[in-house]
Amino acid sequence: MISLVKESKLTPAKVIELAEAYFGPGGIGLEVVDCAECCARFEGGGGHVFVQTAAGERDRGSQVNIEAREWERAAEKFLEKI
């Protein structure tokens, strides 16, 4: 299991939108088991990915936290994209 943190220039809502596209059925094919404005959880292939966001300083950008099991490399690649 891996836990990653990154500062992004994207808003929290945009990060979650991109996470759904990347990890969900239209992306690598994980099932979306929970999704809200601040977070999304995906499961499949014996593992999971949990993406959580918080507004950055002065409401600019966001802090992105990802926890992944069995999808560590995919989580790293997602963070590279955002």
PDB file of N, CA and C in Angstrom:
ATOM      1  N   MET A   1       0.849  -1.177   0.000  1.00  0.00           N
ATOM      2  CA  MET A   1       0.000   0.000   0.000  1.00  0.00           C
ATOM      3  C   MET A   1       0.892   1.236   0.000  1.00  0.00           C
ATOM      4  N   ILE A   2       0.384   2.278  -0.641  1.00  0.00           N
ATOM      5  CA  ILE A   2       1.140   3.519  -0.746  1.00  0.00           C
ATOM      6  C   ILE A   2       0.230   4.691  -0.375  1.00  0.00           C
ATOM      7  N   SER A   3       0.825   5.716   0.198  1.00  0.00           N
ATOM      8  CA  SER A   3       0.120   6.947   0.506  1.00  0.00           C
ATOM      9  C   SER A   3       0.954   8.088  -0.066  1.00  0.00           C
ATOM     10  N   LEU A   4       0.336   8.905  -0.926  1.00  0.00           N
ATOM     11  CA  LEU A   4       1.036   9.968  -1.636  1.00  0.00           C
ATOM     12  C   LEU A   4       0.340  11.306  -1.411  1.00  0.00           C
ATOM     13  N   VAL A   5       1.103  12.384  -1.436  1.00  0.00           N
ATOM     14  CA  VAL A   5       0.560  13.741  -1.290  1.00  0.00           C
ATOM     15  C   VAL A   5       1.206  14.624  -2.345  1.00  0.00           C
ATOM     16  N   LYS A   6       0.386  15.495  -2.949  1.00  0.00           N
ATOM     17  CA  LYS A   6       0.913  16.437  -3.938  1.00  0.00           C
ATOM     18  C   LYS A   6       0.101  17.721  -3.894  1.00  0.00           C
ATOM     19  N   GLU A   7       0.783  18.836  -4.086  1.00  0.00           N
ATOM     20  CA  GLU A   7       0.115  20.117  -4.278  1.00  0.00           C
ATOM     21  C   GLU A   7      -0.186  20.247  -5.768  1.00  0.00           C
ATOM     22  N   SER A   8      -1.389  20.666  -6.101  1.00  0.00           N
ATOM     23  CA  SER A   8      -1.792  20.818  -7.493  1.00  0.00           C
ATOM     24  C   SER A   8      -2.346  22.218  -7.713  1.00  0.00           C
ATOM     25  N   LYS A   9      -2.203  22.723  -8.913  1.00  0.00           N
ATOM     26  CA  LYS A   9      -2.777  24.025  -9.258  1.00  0.00           C
ATOM     27  C   LYS A   9      -4.260  23.897  -9.596  1.00  0.00           C
ATOM     28  N   LEU A  10      -4.746  22.661  -9.736  1.00  0.00           N
ATOM     29  CA  LEU A  10      -6.145  22.419 -10.070  1.00  0.00           C
ATOM     30  C   LEU A  10      -7.023  22.554  -8.830  1.00  0.00           C
ATOM     31  N   THR A  11      -8.282  22.900  -9.048  1.00  0.00           N
ATOM     32  CA  THR A  11      -9.232  22.968  -7.938  1.00  0.00           C
ATOM     33  C   THR A  11      -9.550  21.558  -7.446  1.00  0.00           C
ATOM     34  N   PRO A  12     -10.016  21.429  -6.205  1.00  0.00           N
ATOM     35  CA  PRO A  12     -10.399  20.105  -5.720  1.00  0.00           C
ATOM     36  C   PRO A  12     -11.435  19.413  -6.615  1.00  0.00           C
ATOM     37  N   ALA A  13     -12.428  20.167  -7.084  1.00  0.00           N
ATOM     38  CA  ALA A  13     -13.465  19.581  -7.951  1.00  0.00           C
ATOM     39  C   ALA A  13     -12.868  19.046  -9.251  1.00  0.00           C
ATOM     40  N   LYS A  14     -11.924  19.767  -9.834  1.00  0.00           N
ATOM     41  CA  LYS A  14     -11.300  19.320 -11.084  1.00  0.00           C
ATOM     42  C   LYS A  14     -10.463  18.065 -10.839  1.00  0.00           C
ATOM     43  N   VAL A  15      -9.762  17.999  -9.705  1.00  0.00           N
ATOM     44  CA  VAL A  15      -8.974  16.813  -9.385  1.00  0.00           C
ATOM     45  C   VAL A  15      -9.876  15.592  -9.298  1.00  0.00           C
ATOM     46  N   ILE A  16     -11.017  15.715  -8.626  1.00  0.00           N
ATOM     47  CA  ILE A  16     -11.942  14.584  -8.495  1.00  0.00           C
ATOM     48  C   ILE A  16     -12.509  14.204  -9.858  1.00  0.00           C
ATOM     49  N   GLU A  17     -12.837  15.179 -10.676  1.00  0.00           N
ATOM     50  CA  GLU A  17     -13.331  14.912 -12.030  1.00  0.00           C
ATOM     51  C   GLU A  17     -12.299  14.117 -12.834  1.00  0.00           C
ATOM     52  N   LEU A  18     -11.050  14.537 -12.780  1.00  0.00           N
ATOM     53  CA  LEU A  18      -9.991  13.836 -13.503  1.00  0.00           C
ATOM     54  C   LEU A  18      -9.726  12.448 -12.915  1.00  0.00           C
ATOM     55  N   ALA A  19      -9.856  12.313 -11.602  1.00  0.00           N
ATOM     56  CA  ALA A  19      -9.672  11.009 -10.966  1.00  0.00           C
ATOM     57  C   ALA A  19     -10.736  10.022 -11.446  1.00  0.00           C
ATOM     58  N   GLU A  20     -11.979  10.487 -11.551  1.00  0.00           N
ATOM     59  CA  GLU A  20     -13.051   9.617 -12.057  1.00  0.00           C
ATOM     60  C   GLU A  20     -12.755   9.158 -13.480  1.00  0.00           C
ATOM     61  N   ALA A  21     -12.295  10.076 -14.314  1.00  0.00           N
ATOM     62  CA  ALA A  21     -11.975   9.728 -15.704  1.00  0.00           C
ATOM     63  C   ALA A  21     -10.782   8.778 -15.781  1.00  0.00           C
ATOM     64  N   TYR A  22      -9.800   8.960 -14.914  1.00  0.00           N
ATOM     65  CA  TYR A  22      -8.573   8.161 -14.958  1.00  0.00           C
ATOM     66  C   TYR A  22      -8.761   6.770 -14.348  1.00  0.00           C
ATOM     67  N   PHE A  23      -9.349   6.699 -13.152  1.00  0.00           N
ATOM     68  CA  PHE A  23      -9.466   5.428 -12.447  1.00  0.00           C
ATOM     69  C   PHE A  23     -10.762   4.685 -12.737  1.00  0.00           C
ATOM     70  N   GLY A  24     -11.821   5.389 -13.110  1.00  0.00           N
ATOM     71  CA  GLY A  24     -13.148   4.801 -13.266  1.00  0.00           C
ATOM     72  C   GLY A  24     -13.311   3.925 -14.494  1.00  0.00           C
ATOM     73  N   PRO A  25     -14.578   3.540 -14.779  1.00  0.00           N
ATOM     74  CA  PRO A  25     -14.873   2.629 -15.881  1.00  0.00           C
ATOM     75  C   PRO A  25     -14.363   3.086 -17.252  1.00  0.00           C
ATOM     76  N   GLY A  26     -14.320   4.396 -17.488  1.00  0.00           N
ATOM     77  CA  GLY A  26     -13.823   4.904 -18.768  1.00  0.00           C
ATOM     78  C   GLY A  26     -12.308   5.002 -18.830  1.00  0.00           C
ATOM     79  N   GLY A  27     -11.642   4.757 -17.707  1.00  0.00           N
ATOM     80  CA  GLY A  27     -10.179   4.829 -17.628  1.00  0.00           C
ATOM     81  C   GLY A  27      -9.595   3.438 -17.439  1.00  0.00           C
ATOM     82  N   ILE A  28      -8.990   3.211 -16.266  1.00  0.00           N
ATOM     83  CA  ILE A  28      -8.386   1.896 -16.041  1.00  0.00           C
ATOM     84  C   ILE A  28      -9.402   0.841 -15.619  1.00  0.00           C
ATOM     85  N   GLY A  29     -10.658   1.252 -15.406  1.00  0.00           N
ATOM     86  CA  GLY A  29     -11.736   0.290 -15.218  1.00  0.00           C
ATOM     87  C   GLY A  29     -12.111  -0.070 -13.800  1.00  0.00           C
ATOM     88  N   LEU A  30     -11.718   0.745 -12.830  1.00  0.00           N
ATOM     89  CA  LEU A  30     -12.122   0.463 -11.454  1.00  0.00           C
ATOM     90  C   LEU A  30     -13.554   0.932 -11.225  1.00  0.00           C
ATOM     91  N   GLU A  31     -14.220   0.299 -10.281  1.00  0.00           N
ATOM     92  CA  GLU A  31     -15.581   0.665  -9.927  1.00  0.00           C
ATOM     93  C   GLU A  31     -15.554   1.876  -8.999  1.00  0.00           C
ATOM     94  N   VAL A  32     -16.398   2.864  -9.271  1.00  0.00           N
ATOM     95  CA  VAL A  32     -16.531   4.029  -8.403  1.00  0.00           C
ATOM     96  C   VAL A  32     -17.481   3.619  -7.277  1.00  0.00           C
ATOM     97  N   VAL A  33     -16.961   3.492  -6.056  1.00  0.00           N
ATOM     98  CA  VAL A  33     -17.807   3.063  -4.934  1.00  0.00           C
ATOM     99  C   VAL A  33     -18.263   4.231  -4.074  1.00  0.00           C
ATOM    100  N   ASP A  34     -17.606   5.374  -4.193  1.00  0.00           N
ATOM    101  CA  ASP A  34     -18.013   6.568  -3.458  1.00  0.00           C
ATOM    102  C   ASP A  34     -17.406   7.778  -4.153  1.00  0.00           C
ATOM    103  N   CYS A  35     -18.199   8.833  -4.268  1.00  0.00           N
ATOM    104  CA  CYS A  35     -17.685  10.040  -4.911  1.00  0.00           C
ATOM    105  C   CYS A  35     -18.418  11.261  -4.349  1.00  0.00           C
ATOM    106  N   ALA A  36     -17.639  12.260  -3.975  1.00  0.00           N
ATOM    107  CA  ALA A  36     -18.184  13.520  -3.470  1.00  0.00           C
ATOM    108  C   ALA A  36     -17.287  14.639  -3.982  1.00  0.00           C
ATOM    109  N   GLU A  37     -17.584  15.865  -3.616  1.00  0.00           N
ATOM    110  CA  GLU A  37     -16.784  17.003  -4.074  1.00  0.00           C
ATOM    111  C   GLU A  37     -15.343  16.933  -3.589  1.00  0.00           C
ATOM    112  N   CYS A  38     -15.129  16.299  -2.443  1.00  0.00           N
ATOM    113  CA  CYS A  38     -13.794  16.299  -1.833  1.00  0.00           C
ATOM    114  C   CYS A  38     -13.030  14.993  -2.000  1.00  0.00           C
ATOM    115  N   CYS A  39     -13.707  13.930  -2.409  1.00  0.00           N
ATOM    116  CA  CYS A  39     -13.028  12.639  -2.429  1.00  0.00           C
ATOM    117  C   CYS A  39     -13.731  11.643  -3.340  1.00  0.00           C
ATOM    118  N   ALA A  40     -12.993  10.604  -3.682  1.00  0.00           N
ATOM    119  CA  ALA A  40     -13.546   9.521  -4.494  1.00  0.00           C
ATOM    120  C   ALA A  40     -12.816   8.233  -4.132  1.00  0.00           C
ATOM    121  N   ARG A  41     -13.567   7.132  -4.108  1.00  0.00           N
ATOM    122  CA  ARG A  41     -12.988   5.827  -3.799  1.00  0.00           C
ATOM    123  C   ARG A  41     -13.305   4.883  -4.951  1.00  0.00           C
ATOM    124  N   PHE A  42     -12.294   4.175  -5.374  1.00  0.00           N
ATOM    125  CA  PHE A  42     -12.396   3.236  -6.485  1.00  0.00           C
ATOM    126  C   PHE A  42     -11.920   1.868  -6.006  1.00  0.00           C
ATOM    127  N   GLU A  43     -12.575   0.797  -6.494  1.00  0.00           N
ATOM    128  CA  GLU A  43     -12.174  -0.553  -6.116  1.00  0.00           C
ATOM    129  C   GLU A  43     -12.167  -1.459  -7.337  1.00  0.00           C
ATOM    130  N   GLY A  44     -11.318  -2.469  -7.265  1.00  0.00           N
ATOM    131  CA  GLY A  44     -11.260  -3.470  -8.322  1.00  0.00           C
ATOM    132  C   GLY A  44      -9.899  -4.121  -8.359  1.00  0.00           C
ATOM    133  N   GLY A  45      -9.825  -5.297  -8.969  1.00  0.00           N
ATOM    134  CA  GLY A  45      -8.557  -5.989  -9.124  1.00  0.00           C
ATOM    135  C   GLY A  45      -7.893  -6.353  -7.811  1.00  0.00           C
ATOM    136  N   GLY A  46      -8.698  -6.536  -6.757  1.00  0.00           N
ATOM    137  CA  GLY A  46      -8.136  -6.889  -5.468  1.00  0.00           C
ATOM    138  C   GLY A  46      -7.560  -5.732  -4.683  1.00  0.00           C
ATOM    139  N   GLY A  47      -7.819  -4.515  -5.135  1.00  0.00           N
ATOM    140  CA  GLY A  47      -7.271  -3.357  -4.440  1.00  0.00           C
ATOM    141  C   GLY A  47      -8.210  -2.174  -4.476  1.00  0.00           C
ATOM    142  N   HIS A  48      -7.685  -1.021  -4.112  1.00  0.00           N
ATOM    143  CA  HIS A  48      -8.488   0.195  -4.093  1.00  0.00           C
ATOM    144  C   HIS A  48      -7.607   1.418  -4.309  1.00  0.00           C
ATOM    145  N   VAL A  49      -8.265   2.524  -4.632  1.00  0.00           N
ATOM    146  CA  VAL A  49      -7.625   3.843  -4.706  1.00  0.00           C
ATOM    147  C   VAL A  49      -8.580   4.817  -4.033  1.00  0.00           C
ATOM    148  N   PHE A  50      -8.064   5.609  -3.109  1.00  0.00           N
ATOM    149  CA  PHE A  50      -8.847   6.633  -2.427  1.00  0.00           C
ATOM    150  C   PHE A  50      -8.174   7.975  -2.684  1.00  0.00           C
ATOM    151  N   VAL A  51      -8.905   8.884  -3.325  1.00  0.00           N
ATOM    152  CA  VAL A  51      -8.396  10.225  -3.649  1.00  0.00           C
ATOM    153  C   VAL A  51      -9.140  11.227  -2.790  1.00  0.00           C
ATOM    154  N   GLN A  52      -8.394  12.035  -2.059  1.00  0.00           N
ATOM    155  CA  GLN A  52      -8.975  13.046  -1.189  1.00  0.00           C
ATOM    156  C   GLN A  52      -8.306  14.384  -1.491  1.00  0.00           C
ATOM    157  N   THR A  53      -9.107  15.451  -1.545  1.00  0.00           N
ATOM    158  CA  THR A  53      -8.559  16.771  -1.849  1.00  0.00           C
ATOM    159  C   THR A  53      -8.957  17.769  -0.772  1.00  0.00           C
ATOM    160  N   ALA A  54      -8.156  18.804  -0.658  1.00  0.00           N
ATOM    161  CA  ALA A  54      -8.454  19.935   0.222  1.00  0.00           C
ATOM    162  C   ALA A  54      -8.007  21.192  -0.511  1.00  0.00           C
ATOM    163  N   ALA A  55      -8.727  22.275  -0.297  1.00  0.00           N
ATOM    164  CA  ALA A  55      -8.361  23.534  -0.943  1.00  0.00           C
ATOM    165  C   ALA A  55      -6.974  23.955  -0.495  1.00  0.00           C
ATOM    166  N   GLY A  56      -6.228  24.508  -1.441  1.00  0.00           N
ATOM    167  CA  GLY A  56      -4.888  24.985  -1.148  1.00  0.00           C
ATOM    168  C   GLY A  56      -4.919  26.315  -0.422  1.00  0.00           C
ATOM    169  N   GLU A  57      -3.733  26.827  -0.137  1.00  0.00           N
ATOM    170  CA  GLU A  57      -3.641  28.129   0.526  1.00  0.00           C
ATOM    171  C   GLU A  57      -4.346  29.205  -0.279  1.00  0.00           C
ATOM    172  N   ARG A  58      -5.071  30.028   0.445  1.00  0.00           N
ATOM    173  CA  ARG A  58      -5.811  31.140  -0.183  1.00  0.00           C
ATOM    174  C   ARG A  58      -6.750  30.647  -1.278  1.00  0.00           C
ATOM    175  N   ASP A  59      -7.262  29.440  -1.116  1.00  0.00           N
ATOM    176  CA  ASP A  59      -8.193  28.818  -2.071  1.00  0.00           C
ATOM    177  C   ASP A  59      -7.631  28.728  -3.486  1.00  0.00           C
ATOM    178  N   ARG A  60      -6.328  28.586  -3.587  1.00  0.00           N
ATOM    179  CA  ARG A  60      -5.687  28.406  -4.898  1.00  0.00           C
ATOM    180  C   ARG A  60      -5.209  26.970  -4.987  1.00  0.00           C
ATOM    181  N   GLY A  61      -5.650  26.271  -6.000  1.00  0.00           N
ATOM    182  CA  GLY A  61      -5.216  24.905  -6.184  1.00  0.00           C
ATOM    183  C   GLY A  61      -5.739  24.001  -5.083  1.00  0.00           C
ATOM    184  N   SER A  62      -5.031  22.896  -4.877  1.00  0.00           N
ATOM    185  CA  SER A  62      -5.474  21.936  -3.888  1.00  0.00           C
ATOM    186  C   SER A  62      -4.325  21.049  -3.426  1.00  0.00           C
ATOM    187  N   GLN A  63      -4.542  20.431  -2.287  1.00  0.00           N
ATOM    188  CA  GLN A  63      -3.640  19.393  -1.803  1.00  0.00           C
ATOM    189  C   GLN A  63      -4.342  18.076  -2.096  1.00  0.00           C
ATOM    190  N   VAL A  64      -3.644  17.172  -2.739  1.00  0.00           N
ATOM    191  CA  VAL A  64      -4.218  15.891  -3.139  1.00  0.00           C
ATOM    192  C   VAL A  64      -3.539  14.781  -2.355  1.00  0.00           C
ATOM    193  N   ASN A  65      -4.352  13.961  -1.694  1.00  0.00           N
ATOM    194  CA  ASN A  65      -3.859  12.793  -0.964  1.00  0.00           C
ATOM    195  C   ASN A  65      -4.418  11.555  -1.641  1.00  0.00           C
ATOM    196  N   ILE A  66      -3.558  10.594  -1.923  1.00  0.00           N
ATOM    197  CA  ILE A  66      -4.000   9.343  -2.538  1.00  0.00           C
ATOM    198  C   ILE A  66      -3.472   8.177  -1.715  1.00  0.00           C
ATOM    199  N   GLU A  67      -4.381   7.256  -1.430  1.00  0.00           N
ATOM    200  CA  GLU A  67      -4.012   5.988  -0.808  1.00  0.00           C
ATOM    201  C   GLU A  67      -4.351   4.904  -1.827  1.00  0.00           C
ATOM    202  N   ALA A  68      -3.415   4.005  -2.083  1.00  0.00           N
ATOM    203  CA  ALA A  68      -3.656   2.963  -3.073  1.00  0.00           C
ATOM    204  C   ALA A  68      -3.094   1.617  -2.611  1.00  0.00           C
ATOM    205  N   ARG A  69      -3.838   0.569  -2.900  1.00  0.00           N
ATOM    206  CA  ARG A  69      -3.380  -0.806  -2.675  1.00  0.00           C
ATOM    207  C   ARG A  69      -3.589  -1.554  -3.983  1.00  0.00           C
ATOM    208  N   GLU A  70      -2.560  -2.174  -4.484  1.00  0.00           N
ATOM    209  CA  GLU A  70      -2.526  -2.906  -5.756  1.00  0.00           C
ATOM    210  C   GLU A  70      -2.545  -1.975  -6.962  1.00  0.00           C
ATOM    211  N   TRP A  71      -2.730  -0.696  -6.774  1.00  0.00           N
ATOM    212  CA  TRP A  71      -2.773   0.277  -7.870  1.00  0.00           C
ATOM    213  C   TRP A  71      -1.767   1.396  -7.625  1.00  0.00           C
ATOM    214  N   GLU A  72      -0.661   1.072  -6.983  1.00  0.00           N
ATOM    215  CA  GLU A  72       0.339   2.067  -6.618  1.00  0.00           C
ATOM    216  C   GLU A  72       0.902   2.805  -7.824  1.00  0.00           C
ATOM    217  N   ARG A  73       1.271   2.071  -8.858  1.00  0.00           N
ATOM    218  CA  ARG A  73       1.863   2.706 -10.050  1.00  0.00           C
ATOM    219  C   ARG A  73       0.846   3.611 -10.744  1.00  0.00           C
ATOM    220  N   ALA A  74      -0.401   3.172 -10.823  1.00  0.00           N
ATOM    221  CA  ALA A  74      -1.446   3.998 -11.432  1.00  0.00           C
ATOM    222  C   ALA A  74      -1.639   5.292 -10.630  1.00  0.00           C
ATOM    223  N   ALA A  75      -1.572   5.204  -9.313  1.00  0.00           N
ATOM    224  CA  ALA A  75      -1.714   6.392  -8.472  1.00  0.00           C
ATOM    225  C   ALA A  75      -0.555   7.361  -8.718  1.00  0.00           C
ATOM    226  N   GLU A  76       0.658   6.827  -8.830  1.00  0.00           N
ATOM    227  CA  GLU A  76       1.811   7.679  -9.111  1.00  0.00           C
ATOM    228  C   GLU A  76       1.666   8.377 -10.466  1.00  0.00           C
ATOM    229  N   LYS A  77       1.213   7.635 -11.477  1.00  0.00           N
ATOM    230  CA  LYS A  77       1.039   8.217 -12.809  1.00  0.00           C
ATOM    231  C   LYS A  77      -0.052   9.292 -12.807  1.00  0.00           C
ATOM    232  N   PHE A  78      -1.124   9.073 -12.045  1.00  0.00           N
ATOM    233  CA  PHE A  78      -2.183  10.078 -11.956  1.00  0.00           C
ATOM    234  C   PHE A  78      -1.625  11.377 -11.378  1.00  0.00           C
ATOM    235  N   LEU A  79      -0.854  11.270 -10.316  1.00  0.00           N
ATOM    236  CA  LEU A  79      -0.281  12.477  -9.712  1.00  0.00           C
ATOM    237  C   LEU A  79       0.661  13.197 -10.664  1.00  0.00           C
ATOM    238  N   GLU A  80       1.357  12.466 -11.513  1.00  0.00           N
ATOM    239  CA  GLU A  80       2.216  13.099 -12.508  1.00  0.00           C
ATOM    240  C   GLU A  80       1.394  13.929 -13.487  1.00  0.00           C
ATOM    241  N   LYS A  81       0.166  13.497 -13.786  1.00  0.00           N
ATOM    242  CA  LYS A  81      -0.686  14.184 -14.748  1.00  0.00           C
ATOM    243  C   LYS A  81      -1.310  15.460 -14.202  1.00  0.00           C
ATOM    244  N   ILE A  82      -1.493  15.511 -12.895  1.00  0.00           N
ATOM    245  CA  ILE A  82      -2.189  16.685 -12.335  1.00  0.00           C
ATOM    246  C   ILE A  82      -1.180  17.648 -11.758  1.00  0.00           C
TER     247      ILE A  82
END
